[in-house]
Amino acid sequence: MAYMVTFHGVKSESIEALRSRLQSFGFSGADAAEGVACNPDAQVAFKYKEDAGQLIVSIRRKPLLMSHGQIYSMIADALIDLGSEYKDALSS
């Protein structure tokens, strides 16, 4: 079962920079705009809707000792570091 969160108010410039950030964490296979990024312990899907400023993140597989919330917090922190001032993140 995938857990999803939608980040609102995400800038397109942050999406490009997020791709590099994901690679520094050992993820490969997709860019942050759309697709699935994987590393040996995790699989995270991204879909960016530029016209709405929404980034939908779906955790498909995670490390055993990390919560979904920790992973979403890492992504939220990265978005803030990269210049997005997202308004909120809603779980679905």
PDB file of N, CA and C in Angstrom:
ATOM      1  N   MET A   1       0.841  -1.183   0.000  1.00  0.00           N
ATOM      2  CA  MET A   1       0.000   0.000   0.000  1.00  0.00           C
ATOM      3  C   MET A   1       0.885   1.245   0.000  1.00  0.00           C
ATOM      4  N   ALA A   2       0.597   2.162  -0.869  1.00  0.00           N
ATOM      5  CA  ALA A   2       1.362   3.405  -0.954  1.00  0.00           C
ATOM      6  C   ALA A   2       0.716   4.466  -0.069  1.00  0.00           C
ATOM      7  N   TYR A   3       1.549   5.282   0.553  1.00  0.00           N
ATOM      8  CA  TYR A   3       1.090   6.415   1.338  1.00  0.00           C
ATOM      9  C   TYR A   3       1.425   7.661   0.549  1.00  0.00           C
ATOM     10  N   MET A   4       0.442   8.558   0.418  1.00  0.00           N
ATOM     11  CA  MET A   4       0.624   9.729  -0.428  1.00  0.00           C
ATOM     12  C   MET A   4       0.444  11.021   0.349  1.00  0.00           C
ATOM     13  N   VAL A   5       1.216  12.032  -0.055  1.00  0.00           N
ATOM     14  CA  VAL A   5       1.073  13.384   0.470  1.00  0.00           C
ATOM     15  C   VAL A   5       1.169  14.339  -0.712  1.00  0.00           C
ATOM     16  N   THR A   6       0.338  15.370  -0.714  1.00  0.00           N
ATOM     17  CA  THR A   6       0.387  16.406  -1.741  1.00  0.00           C
ATOM     18  C   THR A   6       0.933  17.680  -1.113  1.00  0.00           C
ATOM     19  N   PHE A   7       2.049  18.172  -1.648  1.00  0.00           N
ATOM     20  CA  PHE A   7       2.621  19.444  -1.223  1.00  0.00           C
ATOM     21  C   PHE A   7       2.086  20.517  -2.153  1.00  0.00           C
ATOM     22  N   HIS A   8       1.542  21.596  -1.588  1.00  0.00           N
ATOM     23  CA  HIS A   8       0.988  22.710  -2.365  1.00  0.00           C
ATOM     24  C   HIS A   8       1.943  23.903  -2.317  1.00  0.00           C
ATOM     25  N   GLY A   9       1.964  24.682  -3.387  1.00  0.00           N
ATOM     26  CA  GLY A   9       2.803  25.879  -3.427  1.00  0.00           C
ATOM     27  C   GLY A   9       4.254  25.582  -3.746  1.00  0.00           C
ATOM     28  N   VAL A  10       4.522  24.514  -4.495  1.00  0.00           N
ATOM     29  CA  VAL A  10       5.889  24.122  -4.834  1.00  0.00           C
ATOM     30  C   VAL A  10       6.307  24.805  -6.135  1.00  0.00           C
ATOM     31  N   LYS A  11       7.482  25.429  -6.122  1.00  0.00           N
ATOM     32  CA  LYS A  11       8.002  26.123  -7.299  1.00  0.00           C
ATOM     33  C   LYS A  11       8.695  25.140  -8.239  1.00  0.00           C
ATOM     34  N   SER A  12       8.604  25.404  -9.525  1.00  0.00           N
ATOM     35  CA  SER A  12       9.223  24.518 -10.512  1.00  0.00           C
ATOM     36  C   SER A  12      10.742  24.471 -10.360  1.00  0.00           C
ATOM     37  N   GLU A  13      11.368  25.569  -9.929  1.00  0.00           N
ATOM     38  CA  GLU A  13      12.818  25.581  -9.728  1.00  0.00           C
ATOM     39  C   GLU A  13      13.224  24.583  -8.646  1.00  0.00           C
ATOM     40  N   SER A  14      12.381  24.414  -7.659  1.00  0.00           N
ATOM     41  CA  SER A  14      12.672  23.476  -6.580  1.00  0.00           C
ATOM     42  C   SER A  14      12.625  22.038  -7.061  1.00  0.00           C
ATOM     43  N   ILE A  15      11.768  21.766  -8.022  1.00  0.00           N
ATOM     44  CA  ILE A  15      11.650  20.406  -8.557  1.00  0.00           C
ATOM     45  C   ILE A  15      12.951  19.997  -9.234  1.00  0.00           C
ATOM     46  N   GLU A  16      13.524  20.903 -10.016  1.00  0.00           N
ATOM     47  CA  GLU A  16      14.792  20.599 -10.684  1.00  0.00           C
ATOM     48  C   GLU A  16      15.890  20.331  -9.662  1.00  0.00           C
ATOM     49  N   ALA A  17      15.953  21.148  -8.621  1.00  0.00           N
ATOM     50  CA  ALA A  17      16.981  20.973  -7.600  1.00  0.00           C
ATOM     51  C   ALA A  17      16.736  19.726  -6.759  1.00  0.00           C
ATOM     52  N   LEU A  18      15.478  19.350  -6.595  1.00  0.00           N
ATOM     53  CA  LEU A  18      15.149  18.156  -5.810  1.00  0.00           C
ATOM     54  C   LEU A  18      15.725  16.904  -6.463  1.00  0.00           C
ATOM     55  N   ARG A  19      15.796  16.895  -7.774  1.00  0.00           N
ATOM     56  CA  ARG A  19      16.378  15.754  -8.488  1.00  0.00           C
ATOM     57  C   ARG A  19      17.825  15.511  -8.023  1.00  0.00           C
ATOM     58  N   SER A  20      18.610  16.569  -7.937  1.00  0.00           N
ATOM     59  CA  SER A  20      19.997  16.444  -7.464  1.00  0.00           C
ATOM     60  C   SER A  20      20.047  15.989  -6.014  1.00  0.00           C
ATOM     61  N   ARG A  21      19.150  16.518  -5.223  1.00  0.00           N
ATOM     62  CA  ARG A  21      19.107  16.131  -3.810  1.00  0.00           C
ATOM     63  C   ARG A  21      18.805  14.640  -3.678  1.00  0.00           C
ATOM     64  N   LEU A  22      17.864  14.138  -4.473  1.00  0.00           N
ATOM     65  CA  LEU A  22      17.535  12.710  -4.432  1.00  0.00           C
ATOM     66  C   LEU A  22      18.736  11.851  -4.817  1.00  0.00           C
ATOM     67  N   GLN A  23      19.463  12.290  -5.821  1.00  0.00           N
ATOM     68  CA  GLN A  23      20.648  11.540  -6.245  1.00  0.00           C
ATOM     69  C   GLN A  23      21.698  11.514  -5.144  1.00  0.00           C
ATOM     70  N   SER A  24      21.816  12.596  -4.388  1.00  0.00           N
ATOM     71  CA  SER A  24      22.792  12.621  -3.286  1.00  0.00           C
ATOM     72  C   SER A  24      22.403  11.661  -2.164  1.00  0.00           C
ATOM     73  N   PHE A  25      21.109  11.304  -2.087  1.00  0.00           N
ATOM     74  CA  PHE A  25      20.640  10.327  -1.109  1.00  0.00           C
ATOM     75  C   PHE A  25      20.679   8.906  -1.667  1.00  0.00           C
ATOM     76  N   GLY A  26      21.233   8.747  -2.859  1.00  0.00           N
ATOM     77  CA  GLY A  26      21.375   7.421  -3.451  1.00  0.00           C
ATOM     78  C   GLY A  26      20.195   6.965  -4.279  1.00  0.00           C
ATOM     79  N   PHE A  27      19.271   7.865  -4.603  1.00  0.00           N
ATOM     80  CA  PHE A  27      18.121   7.498  -5.428  1.00  0.00           C
ATOM     81  C   PHE A  27      18.471   7.622  -6.901  1.00  0.00           C
ATOM     82  N   SER A  28      17.912   6.744  -7.699  1.00  0.00           N
ATOM     83  CA  SER A  28      18.088   6.818  -9.141  1.00  0.00           C
ATOM     84  C   SER A  28      16.819   6.337  -9.815  1.00  0.00           C
ATOM     85  N   GLY A  29      16.729   6.554 -11.115  1.00  0.00           N
ATOM     86  CA  GLY A  29      15.631   5.989 -11.893  1.00  0.00           C
ATOM     87  C   GLY A  29      14.567   6.941 -12.367  1.00  0.00           C
ATOM     88  N   ALA A  30      14.432   8.108 -11.764  1.00  0.00           N
ATOM     89  CA  ALA A  30      13.397   9.042 -12.195  1.00  0.00           C
ATOM     90  C   ALA A  30      13.775  10.440 -11.747  1.00  0.00           C
ATOM     91  N   ASP A  31      13.240  11.429 -12.446  1.00  0.00           N
ATOM     92  CA  ASP A  31      13.448  12.781 -11.957  1.00  0.00           C
ATOM     93  C   ASP A  31      12.347  13.101 -10.945  1.00  0.00           C
ATOM     94  N   ALA A  32      12.465  14.249 -10.321  1.00  0.00           N
ATOM     95  CA  ALA A  32      11.498  14.603  -9.290  1.00  0.00           C
ATOM     96  C   ALA A  32      10.177  15.097  -9.856  1.00  0.00           C
ATOM     97  N   ALA A  33      10.131  15.402 -11.160  1.00  0.00           N
ATOM     98  CA  ALA A  33       8.892  15.899 -11.749  1.00  0.00           C
ATOM     99  C   ALA A  33       7.864  14.790 -11.919  1.00  0.00           C
ATOM    100  N   GLU A  34       8.314  13.613 -12.310  1.00  0.00           N
ATOM    101  CA  GLU A  34       7.385  12.497 -12.456  1.00  0.00           C
ATOM    102  C   GLU A  34       8.175  11.202 -12.610  1.00  0.00           C
ATOM    103  N   GLY A  35       7.706  10.195 -11.942  1.00  0.00           N
ATOM    104  CA  GLY A  35       8.347   8.895 -12.036  1.00  0.00           C
ATOM    105  C   GLY A  35       8.616   8.313 -10.664  1.00  0.00           C
ATOM    106  N   VAL A  36       9.372   7.226 -10.650  1.00  0.00           N
ATOM    107  CA  VAL A  36       9.668   6.522  -9.405  1.00  0.00           C
ATOM    108  C   VAL A  36      11.172   6.563  -9.174  1.00  0.00           C
ATOM    109  N   ALA A  37      11.568   7.042  -8.007  1.00  0.00           N
ATOM    110  CA  ALA A  37      12.972   7.061  -7.613  1.00  0.00           C
ATOM    111  C   ALA A  37      13.200   5.911  -6.643  1.00  0.00           C
ATOM    112  N   CYS A  38      14.288   5.192  -6.841  1.00  0.00           N
ATOM    113  CA  CYS A  38      14.570   4.011  -6.028  1.00  0.00           C
ATOM    114  C   CYS A  38      15.987   4.040  -5.481  1.00  0.00           C
ATOM    115  N   ASN A  39      16.152   3.436  -4.317  1.00  0.00           N
ATOM    116  CA  ASN A  39      17.456   3.049  -3.816  1.00  0.00           C
ATOM    117  C   ASN A  39      17.252   1.663  -3.210  1.00  0.00           C
ATOM    118  N   PRO A  40      18.273   1.009  -2.691  1.00  0.00           N
ATOM    119  CA  PRO A  40      18.074  -0.364  -2.211  1.00  0.00           C
ATOM    120  C   PRO A  40      17.010  -0.524  -1.116  1.00  0.00           C
ATOM    121  N   ASP A  41      16.746   0.533  -0.339  1.00  0.00           N
ATOM    122  CA  ASP A  41      15.810   0.426   0.787  1.00  0.00           C
ATOM    123  C   ASP A  41      14.472   1.116   0.578  1.00  0.00           C
ATOM    124  N   ALA A  42      14.344   1.920  -0.463  1.00  0.00           N
ATOM    125  CA  ALA A  42      13.135   2.735  -0.600  1.00  0.00           C
ATOM    126  C   ALA A  42      12.735   2.910  -2.053  1.00  0.00           C
ATOM    127  N   GLN A  43      11.442   3.190  -2.219  1.00  0.00           N
ATOM    128  CA  GLN A  43      10.891   3.485  -3.542  1.00  0.00           C
ATOM    129  C   GLN A  43       9.851   4.588  -3.345  1.00  0.00           C
ATOM    130  N   VAL A  44      10.088   5.730  -4.007  1.00  0.00           N
ATOM    131  CA  VAL A  44       9.227   6.897  -3.836  1.00  0.00           C
ATOM    132  C   VAL A  44       8.800   7.398  -5.216  1.00  0.00           C
ATOM    133  N   ALA A  45       7.494   7.575  -5.406  1.00  0.00           N
ATOM    134  CA  ALA A  45       6.965   8.075  -6.678  1.00  0.00           C
ATOM    135  C   ALA A  45       6.652   9.565  -6.537  1.00  0.00           C
ATOM    136  N   PHE A  46       6.933  10.311  -7.619  1.00  0.00           N
ATOM    137  CA  PHE A  46       6.705  11.750  -7.660  1.00  0.00           C
ATOM    138  C   PHE A  46       5.852  12.100  -8.865  1.00  0.00           C
ATOM    139  N   LYS A  47       4.959  13.073  -8.679  1.00  0.00           N
ATOM    140  CA  LYS A  47       4.224  13.648  -9.809  1.00  0.00           C
ATOM    141  C   LYS A  47       4.046  15.128  -9.508  1.00  0.00           C
ATOM    142  N   TYR A  48       4.587  15.964 -10.400  1.00  0.00           N
ATOM    143  CA  TYR A  48       4.521  17.407 -10.218  1.00  0.00           C
ATOM    144  C   TYR A  48       3.525  17.997 -11.195  1.00  0.00           C
ATOM    145  N   LYS A  49       2.577  18.764 -10.666  1.00  0.00           N
ATOM    146  CA  LYS A  49       1.596  19.473 -11.485  1.00  0.00           C
ATOM    147  C   LYS A  49       1.974  20.948 -11.445  1.00  0.00           C
ATOM    148  N   GLU A  50       2.735  21.370 -12.466  1.00  0.00           N
ATOM    149  CA  GLU A  50       3.298  22.714 -12.465  1.00  0.00           C
ATOM    150  C   GLU A  50       2.228  23.796 -12.427  1.00  0.00           C
ATOM    151  N   ASP A  51       1.153  23.640 -13.196  1.00  0.00           N
ATOM    152  CA  ASP A  51       0.112  24.673 -13.241  1.00  0.00           C
ATOM    153  C   ASP A  51      -0.560  24.884 -11.893  1.00  0.00           C
ATOM    154  N   ALA A  52      -0.606  23.854 -11.067  1.00  0.00           N
ATOM    155  CA  ALA A  52      -1.225  23.954  -9.743  1.00  0.00           C
ATOM    156  C   ALA A  52      -0.193  24.128  -8.632  1.00  0.00           C
ATOM    157  N   GLY A  53       1.092  23.976  -8.953  1.00  0.00           N
ATOM    158  CA  GLY A  53       2.131  24.065  -7.934  1.00  0.00           C
ATOM    159  C   GLY A  53       2.054  22.937  -6.925  1.00  0.00           C
ATOM    160  N   GLN A  54       1.619  21.762  -7.383  1.00  0.00           N
ATOM    161  CA  GLN A  54       1.452  20.617  -6.483  1.00  0.00           C
ATOM    162  C   GLN A  54       2.480  19.532  -6.778  1.00  0.00           C
ATOM    163  N   LEU A  55       3.066  18.994  -5.721  1.00  0.00           N
ATOM    164  CA  LEU A  55       3.941  17.839  -5.826  1.00  0.00           C
ATOM    165  C   LEU A  55       3.293  16.712  -5.038  1.00  0.00           C
ATOM    166  N   ILE A  56       2.941  15.647  -5.739  1.00  0.00           N
ATOM    167  CA  ILE A  56       2.330  14.476  -5.099  1.00  0.00           C
ATOM    168  C   ILE A  56       3.439  13.461  -4.889  1.00  0.00           C
ATOM    169  N   VAL A  57       3.631  13.051  -3.641  1.00  0.00           N
ATOM    170  CA  VAL A  57       4.679  12.105  -3.280  1.00  0.00           C
ATOM    171  C   VAL A  57       4.017  10.864  -2.705  1.00  0.00           C
ATOM    172  N   SER A  58       4.415   9.720  -3.225  1.00  0.00           N
ATOM    173  CA  SER A  58       3.851   8.440  -2.787  1.00  0.00           C
ATOM    174  C   SER A  58       4.985   7.516  -2.381  1.00  0.00           C
ATOM    175  N   ILE A  59       4.996   7.116  -1.119  1.00  0.00           N
ATOM    176  CA  ILE A  59       6.018   6.187  -0.641  1.00  0.00           C
ATOM    177  C   ILE A  59       5.514   4.767  -0.877  1.00  0.00           C
ATOM    178  N   ARG A  60       6.228   4.050  -1.719  1.00  0.00           N
ATOM    179  CA  ARG A  60       5.837   2.683  -2.054  1.00  0.00           C
ATOM    180  C   ARG A  60       6.591   1.656  -1.214  1.00  0.00           C
ATOM    181  N   ARG A  61       7.821   1.985  -0.845  1.00  0.00           N
ATOM    182  CA  ARG A  61       8.621   1.106   0.018  1.00  0.00           C
ATOM    183  C   ARG A  61       9.552   2.001   0.821  1.00  0.00           C
ATOM    184  N   LYS A  62       9.746   1.661   2.095  1.00  0.00           N
ATOM    185  CA  LYS A  62      10.577   2.482   2.970  1.00  0.00           C
ATOM    186  C   LYS A  62      11.446   1.589   3.842  1.00  0.00           C
ATOM    187  N   PRO A  63      12.525   2.153   4.400  1.00  0.00           N
ATOM    188  CA  PRO A  63      13.334   1.390   5.346  1.00  0.00           C
ATOM    189  C   PRO A  63      12.507   1.017   6.571  1.00  0.00           C
ATOM    190  N   LEU A  64      12.779  -0.115   7.122  1.00  0.00           N
ATOM    191  CA  LEU A  64      12.004  -0.638   8.245  1.00  0.00           C
ATOM    192  C   LEU A  64      11.980   0.309   9.440  1.00  0.00           C
ATOM    193  N   LEU A  65      13.100   0.935   9.742  1.00  0.00           N
ATOM    194  CA  LEU A  65      13.194   1.754  10.950  1.00  0.00           C
ATOM    195  C   LEU A  65      12.857   3.229  10.736  1.00  0.00           C
ATOM    196  N   MET A  66      12.279   3.566   9.597  1.00  0.00           N
ATOM    197  CA  MET A  66      11.849   4.948   9.334  1.00  0.00           C
ATOM    198  C   MET A  66      10.336   4.981   9.156  1.00  0.00           C
ATOM    199  N   SER A  67       9.731   6.022   9.686  1.00  0.00           N
ATOM    200  CA  SER A  67       8.287   6.185   9.500  1.00  0.00           C
ATOM    201  C   SER A  67       8.035   6.941   8.201  1.00  0.00           C
ATOM    202  N   HIS A  68       6.802   6.850   7.732  1.00  0.00           N
ATOM    203  CA  HIS A  68       6.410   7.625   6.553  1.00  0.00           C
ATOM    204  C   HIS A  68       6.577   9.114   6.837  1.00  0.00           C
ATOM    205  N   GLY A  69       6.214   9.525   8.039  1.00  0.00           N
ATOM    206  CA  GLY A  69       6.324  10.927   8.424  1.00  0.00           C
ATOM    207  C   GLY A  69       7.753  11.443   8.364  1.00  0.00           C
ATOM    208  N   GLN A  70       8.720  10.617   8.752  1.00  0.00           N
ATOM    209  CA  GLN A  70      10.117  11.029   8.683  1.00  0.00           C
ATOM    210  C   GLN A  70      10.540  11.268   7.235  1.00  0.00           C
ATOM    211  N   ILE A  71      10.103  10.402   6.348  1.00  0.00           N
ATOM    212  CA  ILE A  71      10.462  10.549   4.939  1.00  0.00           C
ATOM    213  C   ILE A  71       9.805  11.805   4.363  1.00  0.00           C
ATOM    214  N   TYR A  72       8.529  12.016   4.663  1.00  0.00           N
ATOM    215  CA  TYR A  72       7.851  13.218   4.170  1.00  0.00           C
ATOM    216  C   TYR A  72       8.492  14.482   4.737  1.00  0.00           C
ATOM    217  N   SER A  73       8.925  14.428   5.994  1.00  0.00           N
ATOM    218  CA  SER A  73       9.598  15.581   6.599  1.00  0.00           C
ATOM    219  C   SER A  73      10.910  15.886   5.893  1.00  0.00           C
ATOM    220  N   MET A  74      11.648  14.844   5.516  1.00  0.00           N
ATOM    221  CA  MET A  74      12.900  15.038   4.782  1.00  0.00           C
ATOM    222  C   MET A  74      12.632  15.717   3.441  1.00  0.00           C
ATOM    223  N   ILE A  75      11.563  15.291   2.765  1.00  0.00           N
ATOM    224  CA  ILE A  75      11.209  15.901   1.480  1.00  0.00           C
ATOM    225  C   ILE A  75      10.767  17.346   1.691  1.00  0.00           C
ATOM    226  N   ALA A  76       9.960  17.588   2.722  1.00  0.00           N
ATOM    227  CA  ALA A  76       9.499  18.950   3.021  1.00  0.00           C
ATOM    228  C   ALA A  76      10.682  19.853   3.342  1.00  0.00           C
ATOM    229  N   ASP A  77      11.624  19.369   4.148  1.00  0.00           N
ATOM    230  CA  ASP A  77      12.814  20.157   4.475  1.00  0.00           C
ATOM    231  C   ASP A  77      13.614  20.472   3.223  1.00  0.00           C
ATOM    232  N   ALA A  78      13.746  19.481   2.343  1.00  0.00           N
ATOM    233  CA  ALA A  78      14.482  19.693   1.092  1.00  0.00           C
ATOM    234  C   ALA A  78      13.788  20.750   0.241  1.00  0.00           C
ATOM    235  N   LEU A  79      12.467  20.697   0.151  1.00  0.00           N
ATOM    236  CA  LEU A  79      11.728  21.694  -0.640  1.00  0.00           C
ATOM    237  C   LEU A  79      11.935  23.099  -0.090  1.00  0.00           C
ATOM    238  N   ILE A  80      11.934  23.227   1.229  1.00  0.00           N
ATOM    239  CA  ILE A  80      12.162  24.538   1.850  1.00  0.00           C
ATOM    240  C   ILE A  80      13.586  24.999   1.574  1.00  0.00           C
ATOM    241  N   ASP A  81      14.558  24.099   1.750  1.00  0.00           N
ATOM    242  CA  ASP A  81      15.959  24.431   1.479  1.00  0.00           C
ATOM    243  C   ASP A  81      16.161  24.868   0.034  1.00  0.00           C
ATOM    244  N   LEU A  82      15.355  24.308  -0.871  1.00  0.00           N
ATOM    245  CA  LEU A  82      15.511  24.578  -2.293  1.00  0.00           C
ATOM    246  C   LEU A  82      14.683  25.765  -2.774  1.00  0.00           C
ATOM    247  N   GLY A  83      14.044  26.482  -1.846  1.00  0.00           N
ATOM    248  CA  GLY A  83      13.380  27.722  -2.216  1.00  0.00           C
ATOM    249  C   GLY A  83      11.874  27.686  -2.338  1.00  0.00           C
ATOM    250  N   SER A  84      11.258  26.520  -2.149  1.00  0.00           N
ATOM    251  CA  SER A  84       9.795  26.489  -2.189  1.00  0.00           C
ATOM    252  C   SER A  84       9.247  26.918  -0.844  1.00  0.00           C
ATOM    253  N   GLU A  85       8.178  27.643  -0.892  1.00  0.00           N
ATOM    254  CA  GLU A  85       7.492  28.045   0.329  1.00  0.00           C
ATOM    255  C   GLU A  85       6.115  27.406   0.285  1.00  0.00           C
ATOM    256  N   TYR A  86       6.124  26.071   0.309  1.00  0.00           N
ATOM    257  CA  TYR A  86       4.841  25.395   0.183  1.00  0.00           C
ATOM    258  C   TYR A  86       3.951  25.730   1.354  1.00  0.00           C
ATOM    259  N   LYS A  87       2.659  25.778   1.090  1.00  0.00           N
ATOM    260  CA  LYS A  87       1.687  26.207   2.085  1.00  0.00           C
ATOM    261  C   LYS A  87       1.324  25.091   3.042  1.00  0.00           C
ATOM    262  N   ASP A  88       1.110  23.895   2.516  1.00  0.00           N
ATOM    263  CA  ASP A  88       0.729  22.794   3.370  1.00  0.00           C
ATOM    264  C   ASP A  88       0.952  21.494   2.632  1.00  0.00           C
ATOM    265  N   ALA A  89       0.838  20.418   3.378  1.00  0.00           N
ATOM    266  CA  ALA A  89       0.941  19.082   2.792  1.00  0.00           C
ATOM    267  C   ALA A  89      -0.240  18.295   3.311  1.00  0.00           C
ATOM    268  N   LEU A  90      -1.017  17.747   2.407  1.00  0.00           N
ATOM    269  CA  LEU A  90      -2.217  17.016   2.788  1.00  0.00           C
ATOM    270  C   LEU A  90      -2.070  15.543   2.442  1.00  0.00           C
ATOM    271  N   SER A  91      -2.359  14.690   3.414  1.00  0.00           N
ATOM    272  CA  SER A  91      -2.310  13.244   3.180  1.00  0.00           C
ATOM    273  C   SER A  91      -3.571  12.818   2.436  1.00  0.00           C
ATOM    274  N   SER A  92      -3.406  11.790   1.637  1.00  0.00           N
ATOM    275  CA  SER A  92      -4.583  11.226   0.986  1.00  0.00           C
ATOM    276  C   SER A  92      -4.494   9.724   1.025  1.00  0.00           C
TER     277      SER A  92
END
